[in-house]
Amino acid sequence: MFNIVTLPVMIVFVLMFLESIQGILEHAVKDLPGQPPVNFSQYAGYIDVGETKSKHLFYWFVEADNKSPSSLPIAFWFNGGPGCSSVGDGLLTELGPFRVSYSGNLTFNEHSWNKEANVVFVESPVAVGFSYSNKKSDYAAFSDAQTATDAYSFLVNWFTSYPEYLKNDMYIIGESYGGHYVPQLVQQVVKHNKSPGAQFLNLKGFAVGNAWTDAYFDNKGSIDYFHSHSLISDETYKSLIDNCDLGHEFPIDVPNTSAKCNNATLVLYNMDLSGLNVYNIYGPSCNLPYNNVSTQEIMNQKTPSFPASAAIDPCLDYVTPYLNKADVKRALHVSPDIEWTECSNTVFNKYAVSDILSSMLPVYRELLQTGLRIMVYRQAAGTSTEGYQPQALGRG
């Protein structure tokens, strides 16, 4: 028999549980166009963040392809930029369960991370991918601190909708400018986990791949990588090393950049690296409906979508039209008026340069004292962002 005193508490608990289940049902992804049959559940939609809940961060959650997904860890994935999409890049191009084919259908990625974990792909900050805000002022400026604050709010509010995952081991993972996003978000989690009354998040560790960590080490590492793999000439290498302040000027366009450094950078991007897929320099052609067409030839027909780099991934040509299809947006619970782009120029152009150029090495030193598991890695066949940075980070 129920104790009459505890009955109101139980009613509140049941209502909260039903509310969370309703949120899950509303975000369930069904009838995703072009998708083959799957054995795992998916959810997509918005989590409101910010003091006035004016910011709406889009996520796509793929449960583990496992008989017991609730027993596996949960990972939150953040792409970099700053301003690039975790859905278009992370989920549909890199580590998610699907790839978009030339026909506009989805094919399976046999190396998908959701074979080992539940993965939530988060488009952060606002203006990235499908994420947006109701307030124009939220588009005026972007910074590491605000991005971390909003991302932490996302985590807490996401777990409110999916409380059954609070017990799971949790990891925060990202790449490229995720080298800033991830450790600073981890700082927020560690800080709030110590605060009385705050929601405890079962964070066990974090990882960053090809991480933008320290301007000098990352830029020097990339140039060394280009040169050691015969991607740039001896002349270009020497000109970059001799004329560019790698801790400040390159690759960010800031005032007073020397003419010699500018010239060397133009040669690097417009000649030596023109059309190169920096994410996989040995990669095969995209899945085109015809043979004998190289990735190089495809890239030569395209223009950069992002001013930070002239290097692009041609396979995103399939992702962009797919995510902008009305029936795909409908399946993902996205407004038909929002146009998805791989990277947001609004975010990149208005991101605090001082943050981009700040070193994360002190943050790593701090987090090394927390007992969290930490992994910094880079792809052997990729040159994007940081070259030999993990070795440099280890020495730092």
Protein backbone atom coordinates (compact mmCIF):
# COMPACT_ATOMS: atom_id res chain seq x y z
CA MET A 1 0.00 0.00 0.00
CA PHE A 2 1.29 3.49 -0.87
CA ASN A 3 2.08 5.92 1.90
CA ILE A 4 -0.21 8.92 1.45
CA VAL A 5 2.72 11.23 2.27
CA THR A 6 4.87 9.92 -0.57
CA LEU A 7 2.04 9.87 -3.13
CA PRO A 8 2.49 13.50 -4.33
CA VAL A 9 6.21 12.88 -4.83
CA MET A 10 5.46 9.77 -6.86
CA ILE A 11 2.94 11.66 -9.00
CA VAL A 12 5.50 14.36 -9.77
CA PHE A 13 8.07 11.69 -10.67
CA VAL A 14 5.62 9.93 -12.99
CA LEU A 15 4.68 13.20 -14.69
CA MET A 16 8.35 14.06 -15.22
CA PHE A 17 8.96 10.58 -16.64
CA LEU A 18 6.00 10.85 -19.01
CA GLU A 19 7.15 14.30 -20.10
CA SER A 20 10.61 12.96 -20.96
CA ILE A 21 9.12 10.01 -22.86
CA GLN A 22 6.87 12.40 -24.80
CA GLY A 23 9.91 14.45 -25.75
CA ILE A 24 11.64 11.33 -27.03
CA LEU A 25 8.60 10.31 -29.05
CA GLU A 26 8.35 13.74 -30.63
CA HIS A 27 11.98 13.56 -31.74
CA ALA A 28 11.90 9.99 -33.04
CA VAL A 29 13.25 9.80 -36.59
CA LYS A 30 10.94 7.78 -38.80
CA ASP A 31 10.79 7.35 -42.56
CA LEU A 32 14.14 9.02 -43.18
CA PRO A 33 14.34 9.32 -46.98
CA GLY A 34 16.74 6.90 -48.65
CA GLN A 35 17.58 5.09 -45.43
CA PRO A 36 18.06 1.31 -45.48
CA PRO A 37 16.44 -0.73 -42.67
CA VAL A 38 18.25 -0.34 -39.33
CA ASN A 39 18.23 -2.13 -35.99
CA PHE A 40 18.77 0.97 -33.87
CA SER A 41 16.64 3.95 -32.88
CA GLN A 42 17.32 7.55 -33.89
CA TYR A 43 16.13 10.87 -32.52
CA ALA A 44 16.62 14.38 -33.84
CA GLY A 45 15.40 17.84 -32.97
CA TYR A 46 16.19 20.87 -30.87
CA ILE A 47 17.32 21.41 -27.31
CA ASP A 48 16.68 24.95 -26.06
CA VAL A 49 19.55 26.70 -24.28
CA GLY A 50 20.40 30.15 -22.96
CA GLU A 51 18.92 32.19 -20.15
CA THR A 52 15.78 32.94 -22.17
CA LYS A 53 15.80 29.64 -24.10
CA SER A 54 16.15 31.67 -27.29
CA LYS A 55 18.88 29.43 -28.70
CA HIS A 56 17.93 26.14 -30.30
CA LEU A 57 20.76 23.65 -30.79
CA PHE A 58 20.06 20.84 -33.23
CA TYR A 59 21.11 17.29 -32.43
CA TRP A 60 20.88 13.91 -34.12
CA PHE A 61 21.09 10.99 -31.71
CA VAL A 62 21.84 7.49 -32.98
CA GLU A 63 21.53 4.74 -30.42
CA ALA A 64 24.09 1.96 -30.43
CA ASP A 65 23.60 -0.77 -33.00
CA ASN A 66 23.55 -3.33 -30.23
CA LYS A 67 21.04 -5.61 -28.52
CA SER A 68 21.54 -3.63 -25.32
CA PRO A 69 22.34 0.02 -26.19
CA SER A 70 21.57 1.11 -22.64
CA SER A 71 24.64 -0.80 -21.43
CA LEU A 72 27.06 1.10 -23.69
CA PRO A 73 28.67 4.53 -23.23
CA ILE A 74 27.17 7.70 -24.64
CA ALA A 75 29.36 10.09 -26.62
CA PHE A 76 28.64 13.69 -27.61
CA TRP A 77 30.35 14.72 -30.85
CA PHE A 78 31.34 18.28 -31.83
CA ASN A 79 32.86 19.26 -35.17
CA GLY A 80 35.06 22.32 -35.39
CA GLY A 81 35.48 25.26 -37.74
CA PRO A 82 34.64 27.22 -35.75
CA GLY A 83 31.23 26.98 -37.37
CA CYS A 84 31.11 23.55 -39.05
CA SER A 85 28.37 20.96 -38.79
CA SER A 86 28.56 17.83 -36.67
CA VAL A 87 25.75 16.34 -38.73
CA GLY A 88 27.08 16.92 -42.24
CA ASP A 89 30.72 16.32 -41.37
CA GLY A 90 30.65 14.03 -38.34
CA LEU A 91 27.55 11.93 -38.85
CA LEU A 92 27.21 11.71 -42.64
CA THR A 93 30.85 11.92 -43.71
CA GLU A 94 33.06 10.58 -40.94
CA LEU A 95 31.88 8.41 -38.05
CA GLY A 96 28.11 8.10 -38.25
CA PRO A 97 26.14 5.08 -39.46
CA PHE A 98 25.32 6.52 -42.88
CA ARG A 99 26.93 7.92 -46.01
CA VAL A 100 25.04 9.86 -48.68
CA SER A 101 25.49 8.33 -52.12
CA TYR A 102 25.39 10.15 -55.47
CA SER A 103 21.79 8.95 -55.90
CA GLY A 104 20.69 10.74 -52.74
CA ASN A 105 20.17 7.52 -50.81
CA LEU A 106 21.90 6.51 -47.59
CA THR A 107 24.37 3.64 -47.42
CA PHE A 108 25.87 2.05 -44.33
CA ASN A 109 29.25 3.05 -42.91
CA GLU A 110 30.76 -0.21 -41.71
CA HIS A 111 33.09 1.70 -39.38
CA SER A 112 30.34 3.65 -37.62
CA TRP A 113 31.05 4.52 -34.01
CA ASN A 114 27.51 3.60 -33.02
CA LYS A 115 28.57 -0.04 -33.20
CA GLU A 116 30.34 0.60 -29.90
CA ALA A 117 28.49 3.53 -28.33
CA ASN A 118 25.42 5.72 -28.39
CA VAL A 119 26.38 8.91 -30.21
CA VAL A 120 24.80 12.38 -30.13
CA PHE A 121 25.92 14.75 -32.89
CA VAL A 122 25.50 18.37 -31.75
CA GLU A 123 25.46 21.37 -34.09
CA SER A 124 27.05 24.10 -31.99
CA PRO A 125 27.06 27.10 -31.61
CA VAL A 126 23.88 28.67 -32.97
CA ALA A 127 24.00 29.45 -36.72
CA VAL A 128 25.76 26.13 -37.35
CA GLY A 129 23.85 23.69 -39.53
CA PHE A 130 20.22 23.59 -38.43
CA SER A 131 20.84 25.37 -35.11
CA TYR A 132 19.38 28.85 -34.76
CA SER A 133 18.29 31.58 -32.35
CA ASN A 134 15.19 33.74 -32.06
CA LYS A 135 17.32 36.75 -31.11
CA LYS A 136 19.44 38.67 -33.62
CA SER A 137 21.84 39.62 -30.84
CA ASP A 138 22.88 35.97 -30.55
CA TYR A 139 24.42 36.25 -34.03
CA ALA A 140 26.44 39.39 -33.25
CA ALA A 141 29.53 37.70 -31.78
CA PHE A 142 30.81 34.24 -30.93
CA SER A 143 33.37 33.14 -28.36
CA ASP A 144 34.78 30.04 -26.69
CA ALA A 145 33.24 30.97 -23.34
CA GLN A 146 29.71 31.43 -24.69
CA THR A 147 29.97 28.30 -26.83
CA ALA A 148 31.02 26.24 -23.80
CA THR A 149 28.25 27.72 -21.64
CA ASP A 150 25.59 26.93 -24.24
CA ALA A 151 26.99 23.45 -24.87
CA TYR A 152 26.90 22.66 -21.16
CA SER A 153 23.30 23.87 -21.02
CA PHE A 154 22.60 21.57 -23.96
CA LEU A 155 24.01 18.56 -22.10
CA VAL A 156 21.96 19.19 -18.97
CA ASN A 157 18.75 19.80 -20.91
CA TRP A 158 19.38 16.83 -23.20
CA PHE A 159 19.67 14.50 -20.23
CA THR A 160 16.42 15.96 -18.90
CA SER A 161 14.77 14.54 -22.01
CA TYR A 162 16.77 11.32 -21.92
CA PRO A 163 17.23 10.62 -18.18
CA GLU A 164 17.73 6.90 -18.74
CA TYR A 165 21.21 7.69 -20.09
CA LEU A 166 22.39 9.57 -17.00
CA LYS A 167 23.87 6.36 -15.59
CA ASN A 168 25.90 5.59 -18.71
CA ASP A 169 29.59 6.37 -18.98
CA MET A 170 29.79 9.66 -20.86
CA TYR A 171 32.45 10.97 -23.23
CA ILE A 172 32.81 14.30 -25.03
CA ILE A 173 34.62 14.06 -28.37
CA GLY A 174 35.40 16.42 -31.22
CA GLU A 175 37.82 17.37 -33.94
CA SER A 176 39.57 20.38 -35.47
CA TYR A 177 38.33 23.47 -33.58
CA GLY A 178 36.76 20.92 -31.27
CA GLY A 179 40.24 21.17 -29.76
CA HIS A 180 38.85 24.34 -28.17
CA TYR A 181 35.20 23.35 -27.83
CA VAL A 182 35.78 20.01 -26.09
CA PRO A 183 38.29 20.78 -23.30
CA GLN A 184 36.46 23.98 -22.35
CA LEU A 185 33.14 22.13 -22.25
CA VAL A 186 34.81 19.48 -20.10
CA GLN A 187 35.93 22.28 -17.77
CA GLN A 188 32.29 23.31 -17.41
CA VAL A 189 31.19 19.76 -16.61
CA VAL A 190 33.96 19.26 -14.05
CA LYS A 191 33.13 22.58 -12.38
CA HIS A 192 29.38 21.99 -12.20
CA ASN A 193 29.79 18.40 -11.04
CA LYS A 194 31.35 19.85 -7.90
CA SER A 195 28.50 22.32 -7.36
CA PRO A 196 25.77 21.36 -4.88
CA GLY A 197 22.42 21.05 -6.59
CA ALA A 198 23.80 20.85 -10.13
CA GLN A 199 22.96 17.89 -12.31
CA PHE A 200 25.80 15.39 -12.05
CA LEU A 201 27.02 14.17 -15.43
CA ASN A 202 28.82 10.82 -15.47
CA LEU A 203 31.77 12.10 -17.50
CA LYS A 204 34.58 9.56 -17.83
CA GLY A 205 36.81 11.22 -20.40
CA PHE A 206 37.21 13.18 -23.60
CA ALA A 207 39.00 12.93 -26.92
CA VAL A 208 39.97 15.32 -29.70
CA GLY A 209 41.13 14.46 -33.18
CA ASN A 210 43.17 16.74 -35.45
CA ALA A 211 42.71 19.25 -32.67
CA TRP A 212 43.32 22.98 -32.99
CA THR A 213 45.14 23.42 -29.69
CA ASP A 214 47.97 25.94 -29.92
CA ALA A 215 48.44 28.27 -32.91
CA TYR A 216 52.22 27.99 -33.17
CA PHE A 217 52.49 24.22 -32.68
CA ASP A 218 49.49 23.50 -34.91
CA ASN A 219 50.57 25.75 -37.77
CA LYS A 220 54.17 24.57 -37.62
CA GLY A 221 52.99 20.97 -37.44
CA SER A 222 50.78 21.37 -40.51
CA ILE A 223 53.57 22.93 -42.55
CA ASP A 224 55.98 20.19 -41.48
CA TYR A 225 53.38 17.59 -42.49
CA PHE A 226 52.84 19.18 -45.91
CA HIS A 227 56.57 19.26 -46.53
CA SER A 228 57.39 15.78 -45.22
CA HIS A 229 54.68 14.29 -47.46
CA SER A 230 55.94 16.18 -50.53
CA LEU A 231 52.74 18.20 -50.80
CA ILE A 232 54.55 21.53 -50.90
CA SER A 233 57.84 22.58 -52.41
CA ASP A 234 61.01 23.35 -50.50
CA GLU A 235 60.61 26.97 -51.57
CA THR A 236 57.07 27.25 -50.18
CA TYR A 237 58.10 25.56 -46.94
CA LYS A 238 61.04 27.90 -46.40
CA SER A 239 58.99 30.97 -47.28
CA LEU A 240 56.29 30.07 -44.75
CA ILE A 241 58.77 29.30 -41.97
CA ASP A 242 60.86 32.41 -42.61
CA ASN A 243 58.10 34.96 -43.17
CA CYS A 244 55.05 33.96 -41.12
CA ASP A 245 54.49 34.46 -37.41
CA LEU A 246 52.92 31.05 -36.91
CA GLY A 247 51.69 31.92 -33.45
CA HIS A 248 49.67 34.86 -34.67
CA GLU A 249 49.27 35.53 -38.36
CA PHE A 250 48.69 32.22 -40.11
CA PRO A 251 46.15 31.03 -41.11
CA ILE A 252 44.03 33.79 -39.56
CA ASP A 253 43.79 36.95 -41.67
CA VAL A 254 44.63 39.71 -39.20
CA PRO A 255 45.89 43.26 -39.75
CA ASN A 256 49.56 43.85 -40.52
CA THR A 257 50.18 40.42 -42.03
CA SER A 258 53.44 40.70 -43.95
CA ALA A 259 53.30 40.72 -47.74
CA LYS A 260 55.81 37.87 -47.93
CA CYS A 261 53.69 35.72 -45.60
CA ASN A 262 50.57 36.55 -47.61
CA ASN A 263 52.30 35.55 -50.83
CA ALA A 264 53.55 32.29 -49.32
CA THR A 265 50.06 31.49 -48.02
CA LEU A 266 48.53 32.15 -51.44
CA VAL A 267 51.02 29.78 -53.04
CA LEU A 268 50.27 27.18 -50.37
CA TYR A 269 46.49 27.22 -50.80
CA ASN A 270 46.01 28.24 -54.43
CA MET A 271 48.81 26.21 -55.99
CA ASP A 272 50.42 23.53 -53.83
CA LEU A 273 47.26 22.42 -52.00
CA SER A 274 44.69 23.42 -54.60
CA GLY A 275 42.04 20.71 -54.81
CA LEU A 276 43.63 18.53 -52.16
CA ASN A 277 41.35 16.64 -49.79
CA VAL A 278 43.17 17.44 -46.55
CA TYR A 279 41.02 14.96 -44.63
CA ASN A 280 42.39 12.04 -46.65
CA ILE A 281 45.24 12.74 -49.04
CA TYR A 282 45.22 9.13 -50.26
CA GLY A 283 41.43 8.82 -50.42
CA PRO A 284 39.58 7.24 -53.31
CA SER A 285 37.10 9.00 -55.54
CA CYS A 286 33.62 9.73 -54.27
CA ASN A 287 30.88 7.25 -55.11
CA LEU A 288 30.14 8.69 -58.54
CA PRO A 289 27.93 6.98 -61.16
CA TYR A 290 30.85 6.78 -63.55
CA ASN A 291 34.41 5.50 -63.40
CA ASN A 292 37.87 6.95 -63.87
CA VAL A 293 37.08 10.33 -62.31
CA SER A 294 39.58 11.31 -59.66
CA THR A 295 38.91 13.26 -56.52
CA GLN A 296 41.38 15.84 -57.81
CA GLU A 297 39.34 16.40 -60.97
CA ILE A 298 36.13 16.78 -58.98
CA MET A 299 37.69 19.31 -56.64
CA ASN A 300 39.10 21.38 -59.47
CA GLN A 301 35.51 22.11 -60.52
CA LYS A 302 34.53 23.42 -57.09
CA THR A 303 35.13 26.56 -55.11
CA PRO A 304 35.82 26.70 -51.38
CA SER A 305 32.75 26.95 -49.18
CA PHE A 306 34.73 28.28 -46.24
CA PRO A 307 37.21 31.16 -46.27
CA ALA A 308 39.46 29.56 -43.68
CA SER A 309 40.86 27.07 -46.16
CA ALA A 310 40.87 26.23 -49.85
CA ALA A 311 40.88 22.50 -49.10
CA ILE A 312 37.50 20.80 -49.39
CA ASP A 313 35.79 17.42 -49.32
CA PRO A 314 33.92 16.76 -52.57
CA CYS A 315 31.72 14.11 -51.01
CA LEU A 316 29.90 16.88 -49.13
CA ASP A 317 28.32 17.72 -52.46
CA TYR A 318 25.97 14.82 -51.78
CA VAL A 319 25.33 15.79 -48.17
CA THR A 320 24.24 19.38 -48.81
CA PRO A 321 21.38 18.64 -51.21
CA TYR A 322 20.30 15.68 -49.08
CA LEU A 323 19.97 17.67 -45.86
CA ASN A 324 18.12 20.45 -47.67
CA LYS A 325 15.40 18.16 -49.05
CA ALA A 326 12.00 19.01 -47.61
CA ASP A 327 11.19 15.41 -46.68
CA VAL A 328 14.56 15.00 -44.92
CA LYS A 329 13.98 18.15 -42.89
CA ARG A 330 10.53 16.91 -42.02
CA ALA A 331 11.91 13.56 -40.83
CA LEU A 332 14.51 15.37 -38.70
CA HIS A 333 11.92 17.77 -37.24
CA VAL A 334 13.57 20.82 -38.81
CA SER A 335 11.81 23.93 -40.10
CA PRO A 336 11.57 23.90 -43.93
CA ASP A 337 12.80 27.51 -43.97
CA ILE A 338 16.25 26.70 -42.55
CA GLU A 339 18.93 26.12 -45.17
CA TRP A 340 21.65 23.73 -44.06
CA THR A 341 25.26 24.57 -44.93
CA GLU A 342 28.40 22.65 -44.05
CA CYS A 343 30.07 25.61 -42.36
CA SER A 344 28.72 28.93 -41.17
CA ASN A 345 30.52 32.04 -42.37
CA THR A 346 28.51 33.98 -39.79
CA VAL A 347 30.15 32.04 -36.98
CA PHE A 348 33.64 32.02 -38.46
CA ASN A 349 33.69 35.70 -39.40
CA LYS A 350 32.35 36.82 -36.03
CA TYR A 351 34.31 34.43 -33.83
CA ALA A 352 36.73 36.07 -31.41
CA VAL A 353 40.17 35.89 -33.04
CA SER A 354 41.75 36.13 -29.61
CA ASP A 355 40.00 32.88 -28.69
CA ILE A 356 41.06 31.14 -31.89
CA LEU A 357 44.67 32.08 -31.25
CA SER A 358 44.65 31.23 -27.54
CA SER A 359 46.50 28.10 -26.44
CA MET A 360 44.61 25.22 -24.87
CA LEU A 361 47.76 23.76 -23.31
CA PRO A 362 47.00 25.28 -19.86
CA VAL A 363 43.51 23.79 -20.02
CA TYR A 364 44.93 20.34 -20.77
CA ARG A 365 47.37 20.66 -17.87
CA GLU A 366 44.44 21.47 -15.59
CA LEU A 367 42.31 18.58 -16.86
CA LEU A 368 45.17 16.11 -16.53
CA GLN A 369 44.74 16.52 -12.77
CA THR A 370 41.08 15.42 -12.81
CA GLY A 371 41.62 11.71 -13.42
CA LEU A 372 39.60 11.78 -16.63
CA ARG A 373 40.68 9.63 -19.54
CA ILE A 374 42.11 11.87 -22.29
CA MET A 375 43.04 11.02 -25.86
CA VAL A 376 44.50 13.32 -28.52
CA TYR A 377 44.85 11.78 -31.94
CA ARG A 378 45.23 12.62 -35.61
CA GLN A 379 44.64 10.74 -38.84
CA ALA A 380 47.73 9.42 -40.58
CA ALA A 381 46.47 10.40 -44.04
CA GLY A 382 45.01 13.78 -43.10
CA THR A 383 46.62 17.20 -43.02
CA SER A 384 43.71 19.24 -41.75
CA THR A 385 44.57 21.87 -39.14
CA GLU A 386 47.39 20.48 -37.07
CA GLY A 387 49.87 18.15 -38.72
CA TYR A 388 52.18 16.76 -36.03
CA GLN A 389 50.28 18.50 -33.25
CA PRO A 390 49.77 15.48 -30.91
CA GLN A 391 53.54 15.02 -30.64
CA ALA A 392 53.95 18.73 -29.98
CA LEU A 393 51.16 18.62 -27.40
CA GLY A 394 52.90 15.74 -25.65
CA ARG A 395 56.07 17.82 -25.42
CA GLY A 396 54.09 20.87 -24.24
